[in-house]
Protein backbone atom coordinates (compact mmCIF):
# COMPACT_ATOMS: atom_id res chain seq x y z
CA MET A 1 -10.65 -31.87 4.51
CA LYS A 2 -8.32 -29.78 6.68
CA ARG A 3 -5.47 -30.56 4.28
CA LEU A 4 -7.59 -29.43 1.31
CA ILE A 5 -8.47 -26.14 3.05
CA LEU A 6 -4.79 -25.54 3.83
CA ILE A 7 -3.77 -26.17 0.22
CA CYS A 8 -6.47 -23.81 -1.07
CA THR A 9 -5.40 -21.10 1.36
CA VAL A 10 -1.76 -21.37 0.28
CA LEU A 11 -2.72 -21.30 -3.39
CA LEU A 12 -4.83 -18.17 -2.83
CA GLY A 13 -1.84 -16.41 -1.27
CA VAL A 14 0.37 -17.36 -4.22
CA ILE A 15 -2.24 -16.18 -6.74
CA VAL A 16 -2.76 -12.80 -5.05
CA ALA A 17 0.96 -12.11 -4.60
CA ALA A 18 1.50 -12.99 -8.24
CA GLY A 19 -1.03 -10.39 -9.28
CA ILE A 20 -3.50 -12.91 -10.73
CA LEU A 21 -6.77 -11.54 -9.40
CA PRO A 22 -10.42 -12.30 -10.06
CA ALA A 23 -12.07 -9.71 -12.29
CA ALA A 24 -13.79 -6.90 -10.38
CA ASP A 25 -16.75 -4.87 -11.61
CA SER A 26 -15.05 -2.14 -13.64
CA SER A 27 -18.29 -0.22 -14.15
CA LYS A 28 -18.27 1.14 -10.61
CA LYS A 29 -15.88 3.64 -9.11
CA ILE A 30 -13.37 2.32 -6.60
CA LYS A 31 -14.33 3.73 -3.21
CA VAL A 32 -11.23 4.69 -1.25
CA MET A 33 -11.03 5.50 2.44
CA PHE A 34 -7.87 7.61 2.69
CA PHE A 35 -6.78 7.38 6.32
CA ARG A 36 -4.27 10.06 7.32
CA GLY A 37 -2.87 11.83 10.38
CA GLY A 38 -0.35 11.65 13.18
CA GLY A 39 2.67 13.23 11.51
CA HIS A 40 4.44 14.15 8.27
CA ASP A 41 2.57 16.60 6.04
CA TRP A 42 -0.64 14.61 6.26
CA LYS A 43 -2.92 17.58 5.55
CA ASN A 44 -1.29 18.72 2.31
CA CYS A 45 0.19 15.61 0.68
CA PRO A 46 -2.89 13.33 0.37
CA PRO A 47 -4.89 15.94 -1.62
CA ILE A 48 -2.14 15.76 -4.26
CA MET A 49 -2.77 12.04 -4.70
CA LYS A 50 -6.54 12.51 -4.49
CA ALA A 51 -6.40 14.77 -7.54
CA VAL A 52 -4.29 12.25 -9.47
CA LEU A 53 -6.51 9.31 -8.55
CA GLU A 54 -9.71 11.13 -9.40
CA SER A 55 -8.29 12.27 -12.74
CA THR A 56 -8.67 8.65 -13.87
CA ASN A 57 -12.46 8.82 -13.28
CA ASP A 58 -12.15 5.43 -11.59
CA PHE A 59 -11.67 6.45 -7.95
CA GLU A 60 -13.80 8.17 -5.33
CA ILE A 61 -11.74 9.40 -2.36
CA THR A 62 -12.94 10.05 1.19
CA PHE A 63 -10.49 11.41 3.77
CA THR A 64 -10.66 10.50 7.43
CA GLU A 65 -8.49 10.96 10.52
CA ASN A 66 -10.90 9.10 12.79
CA LEU A 67 -9.62 5.78 14.13
CA ASP A 68 -13.20 4.71 14.87
CA ASP A 69 -13.87 4.71 11.13
CA LEU A 70 -11.75 1.56 10.98
CA LYS A 71 -14.37 -0.38 12.95
CA GLU A 72 -17.52 -0.17 10.82
CA ARG A 73 -17.44 2.70 8.33
CA ILE A 74 -14.51 1.06 6.51
CA LYS A 75 -16.90 -1.64 5.27
CA GLN A 76 -18.45 0.92 2.90
CA PHE A 77 -15.22 1.10 0.88
CA ASP A 78 -13.28 -1.08 -1.55
CA ILE A 79 -9.76 -0.18 -0.44
CA ILE A 80 -8.06 1.80 2.29
CA MET A 81 -5.03 4.01 1.70
CA GLN A 82 -2.96 4.88 4.75
CA TYR A 83 -0.54 7.78 5.30
CA THR A 84 -0.17 8.07 9.05
CA THR A 85 2.57 8.18 11.66
CA GLY A 86 2.37 6.74 15.15
CA MET A 87 -1.14 6.42 16.62
CA ASN A 88 -2.29 3.81 19.11
CA PRO A 89 -5.51 2.15 17.95
CA THR A 90 -7.58 -0.01 20.22
CA LYS A 91 -7.76 -3.73 19.54
CA GLU A 92 -11.24 -3.19 18.09
CA GLN A 93 -9.93 -0.53 15.69
CA GLU A 94 -6.95 -2.68 14.64
CA ASP A 95 -9.20 -5.70 14.10
CA GLY A 96 -11.63 -3.59 12.08
CA LEU A 97 -8.86 -2.68 9.63
CA CYS A 98 -7.30 -6.13 9.49
CA ASP A 99 -10.67 -7.89 9.19
CA PHE A 100 -11.57 -5.57 6.31
CA VAL A 101 -8.47 -6.65 4.37
CA GLN A 102 -8.67 -10.29 5.44
CA ASN A 103 -12.23 -10.45 4.12
CA GLY A 104 -11.24 -9.16 0.69
CA GLY A 105 -10.62 -5.43 0.98
CA GLY A 106 -7.57 -3.78 -0.54
CA TYR A 107 -4.82 -1.98 1.35
CA VAL A 108 -2.37 0.66 0.09
CA GLY A 109 0.22 1.75 2.63
CA ILE A 110 2.34 4.82 1.94
CA HIS A 111 5.68 5.62 3.58
CA SER A 112 5.09 6.03 7.32
CA ALA A 113 2.23 3.53 7.36
CA THR A 114 4.92 1.14 8.61
CA ASP A 115 5.82 3.66 11.32
CA SER A 116 2.24 3.49 12.63
CA PHE A 117 0.34 1.25 15.04
CA LYS A 118 3.54 -0.02 16.63
CA ASN A 119 1.59 -1.65 19.46
CA CYS A 120 -0.27 -3.84 16.95
CA ASP A 121 1.19 -7.22 16.02
CA ARG A 122 -1.69 -8.18 13.72
CA TYR A 123 -1.31 -4.94 11.77
CA TRP A 124 2.44 -5.53 11.50
CA GLU A 125 1.79 -9.02 10.13
CA MET A 126 -0.72 -7.66 7.60
CA VAL A 127 1.53 -4.89 6.25
CA GLY A 128 4.65 -7.05 6.52
CA GLY A 129 7.26 -4.51 7.66
CA ARG A 130 7.81 -2.17 10.59
CA PHE A 131 9.92 0.99 10.38
CA ALA A 132 13.45 0.51 11.71
CA GLY A 133 15.27 3.65 10.50
CA HIS A 134 15.82 5.87 7.49
CA GLY A 135 18.19 7.91 5.41
CA SER A 136 17.36 10.76 3.05
CA GLY A 137 18.42 12.54 -0.10
CA LYS A 138 18.14 11.96 -3.81
CA PHE A 139 18.39 8.36 -4.94
CA THR A 140 17.30 5.88 -7.58
CA VAL A 141 14.33 3.61 -7.09
CA TYR A 142 15.09 0.42 -8.99
CA ILE A 143 12.31 -1.69 -10.46
CA TYR A 144 13.11 -5.07 -8.95
CA ASP A 145 10.16 -7.04 -10.33
CA HIS A 146 9.38 -6.34 -13.99
CA GLU A 147 6.64 -8.99 -14.21
CA HIS A 148 4.12 -7.85 -11.61
CA PRO A 149 1.18 -5.81 -13.00
CA ILE A 150 2.03 -2.83 -10.78
CA THR A 151 5.60 -2.42 -12.00
CA ARG A 152 5.39 -4.01 -15.46
CA GLY A 153 6.66 -1.49 -18.02
CA MET A 154 7.99 0.91 -15.40
CA LYS A 155 11.60 2.08 -15.45
CA ASP A 156 13.98 3.01 -12.66
CA PHE A 157 13.42 6.55 -11.47
CA GLU A 158 15.05 9.28 -9.39
CA ILE A 159 13.35 10.75 -6.34
CA GLN A 160 14.09 13.10 -3.45
CA ASP A 161 12.76 11.21 -0.45
CA GLU A 162 13.47 9.24 2.70
CA THR A 163 14.85 5.71 2.50
CA TYR A 164 13.10 3.39 4.91
CA ALA A 165 14.59 0.26 6.44
CA HIS A 166 12.25 -2.28 8.04
CA ASN A 167 12.01 -5.14 10.46
CA TYR A 168 9.87 -7.81 8.86
CA HIS A 169 7.19 -9.74 10.67
CA ARG A 170 8.03 -13.39 11.32
CA ASN A 171 5.03 -14.46 9.21
CA ALA A 172 5.61 -11.95 6.41
CA GLN A 173 5.70 -13.32 2.87
CA MET A 174 5.99 -10.38 0.52
CA ARG A 175 6.92 -10.04 -3.13
CA SER A 176 9.36 -7.15 -3.51
CA LEU A 177 8.63 -4.76 -6.39
CA THR A 178 11.08 -1.89 -5.93
CA ARG A 179 14.48 -1.53 -4.25
CA MET A 180 17.19 1.00 -3.55
CA ASN A 181 20.94 0.48 -3.38
CA ARG A 182 23.07 3.29 -1.98
CA GLY A 183 26.22 2.53 -0.03
CA ASN A 184 25.12 0.48 2.97
CA GLU A 185 21.45 1.16 2.27
CA ARG A 186 20.11 -1.81 0.38
CA GLN A 187 16.48 -2.65 0.98
CA SER A 188 13.10 -3.17 -0.53
CA MET A 189 11.23 0.08 -1.20
CA GLY A 190 7.89 -1.55 -1.98
CA TRP A 191 6.11 -4.88 -1.99
CA VAL A 192 2.83 -6.75 -2.36
CA SER A 193 1.37 -9.60 -0.37
CA SER A 194 -1.90 -11.28 0.44
CA TYR A 195 -3.70 -11.18 3.77
CA GLY A 196 -6.56 -13.64 3.83
CA LYS A 197 -8.66 -12.78 0.78
CA GLY A 198 -7.27 -9.24 0.62
CA ARG A 199 -4.47 -7.58 -1.30
CA VAL A 200 -1.73 -5.48 0.29
CA PHE A 201 0.50 -2.98 -1.52
CA TYR A 202 3.09 -0.87 0.28
CA THR A 203 5.62 1.71 -0.89
CA SER A 204 8.10 3.33 1.46
CA ASN A 205 8.31 6.37 -0.82
CA GLY A 206 6.25 9.44 0.08
CA HIS A 207 7.96 11.40 2.86
CA ASP A 208 6.91 14.91 1.82
CA ARG A 209 5.70 17.09 -1.03
CA LYS A 210 8.91 16.60 -3.05
CA ALA A 211 8.04 12.92 -3.33
CA TRP A 212 4.27 13.33 -3.73
CA VAL A 213 4.60 15.59 -6.78
CA ASN A 214 7.04 13.16 -8.42
CA PRO A 215 5.12 11.67 -11.39
CA HIS A 216 6.85 8.30 -10.99
CA PHE A 217 5.70 8.05 -7.38
CA GLN A 218 2.19 9.06 -8.43
CA ARG A 219 2.17 6.42 -11.14
CA LEU A 220 3.35 3.74 -8.69
CA VAL A 221 0.65 4.55 -6.13
CA VAL A 222 -2.14 4.73 -8.71
CA ARG A 223 -1.10 1.39 -10.15
CA GLY A 224 -0.95 -0.06 -6.64
CA ALA A 225 -4.45 1.21 -5.91
CA TYR A 226 -5.89 -0.41 -9.04
CA TRP A 227 -4.21 -3.69 -8.16
CA ALA A 228 -5.33 -3.58 -4.53
CA ALA A 229 -8.90 -3.11 -5.75
CA GLY A 230 -8.65 -6.12 -8.06
CA ARG A 231 -8.92 -3.98 -11.18
CA LYS A 232 -6.85 -3.90 -14.35
CA VAL A 233 -3.78 -1.79 -13.66
CA LYS A 234 -3.72 1.52 -15.55
CA ASP A 235 -1.63 4.69 -15.56
CA PRO A 236 -3.09 8.05 -14.57
CA PRO A 237 -3.68 10.47 -17.46
CA ASN A 238 -0.61 12.30 -18.75
CA ILE A 239 1.76 10.10 -16.73
CA ARG A 240 3.54 7.41 -18.67
């Protein structure tokens, strides 16, 4: 019996990472808790994405900067989007977030989400990577995986942004979607993984307004949000 449970758990992780998800109820809006704060331009950048997401008529966005919302309030939502820097959640707050994803919730981490909660090993394992350093400037984001629903049909794009390097958790098993190659900077810029029954999407793009108004970045995040929610991946209006 234990062997059967282990096999089923492994298969679930493979299925989620591959983008093969059970159908979700597409008649309801996807409720998003957009958790922000701690650094970067967290007051002005998320509203840009809120407008793009809500233009699809499929998302309902609620902003919060309250760590306590990760304990119970988070259960009212379908996915959580995170654009934070630093912060030191309690174990109860960390477990609230990780339990939410482990039990089937979706997670979308943007840029400095990997530079957050650095005292939290479980969070690091869930997201997969932890910020280790960065460069900056204009560079090309290369579509590394052309088969995953999030990046299928997308083309390489230029962006003015920061380039994040990461230390990866010892248990991390991610599927890389985007990469960058510039001199000595060669690393994944985005990935997906499973965490229990939940779906995790992360992109290291999104440092400031220059990145957030980039239509390719917007398209990537919207697609990632659909996927994290278990919905059919679609493009936002007027962005192809």
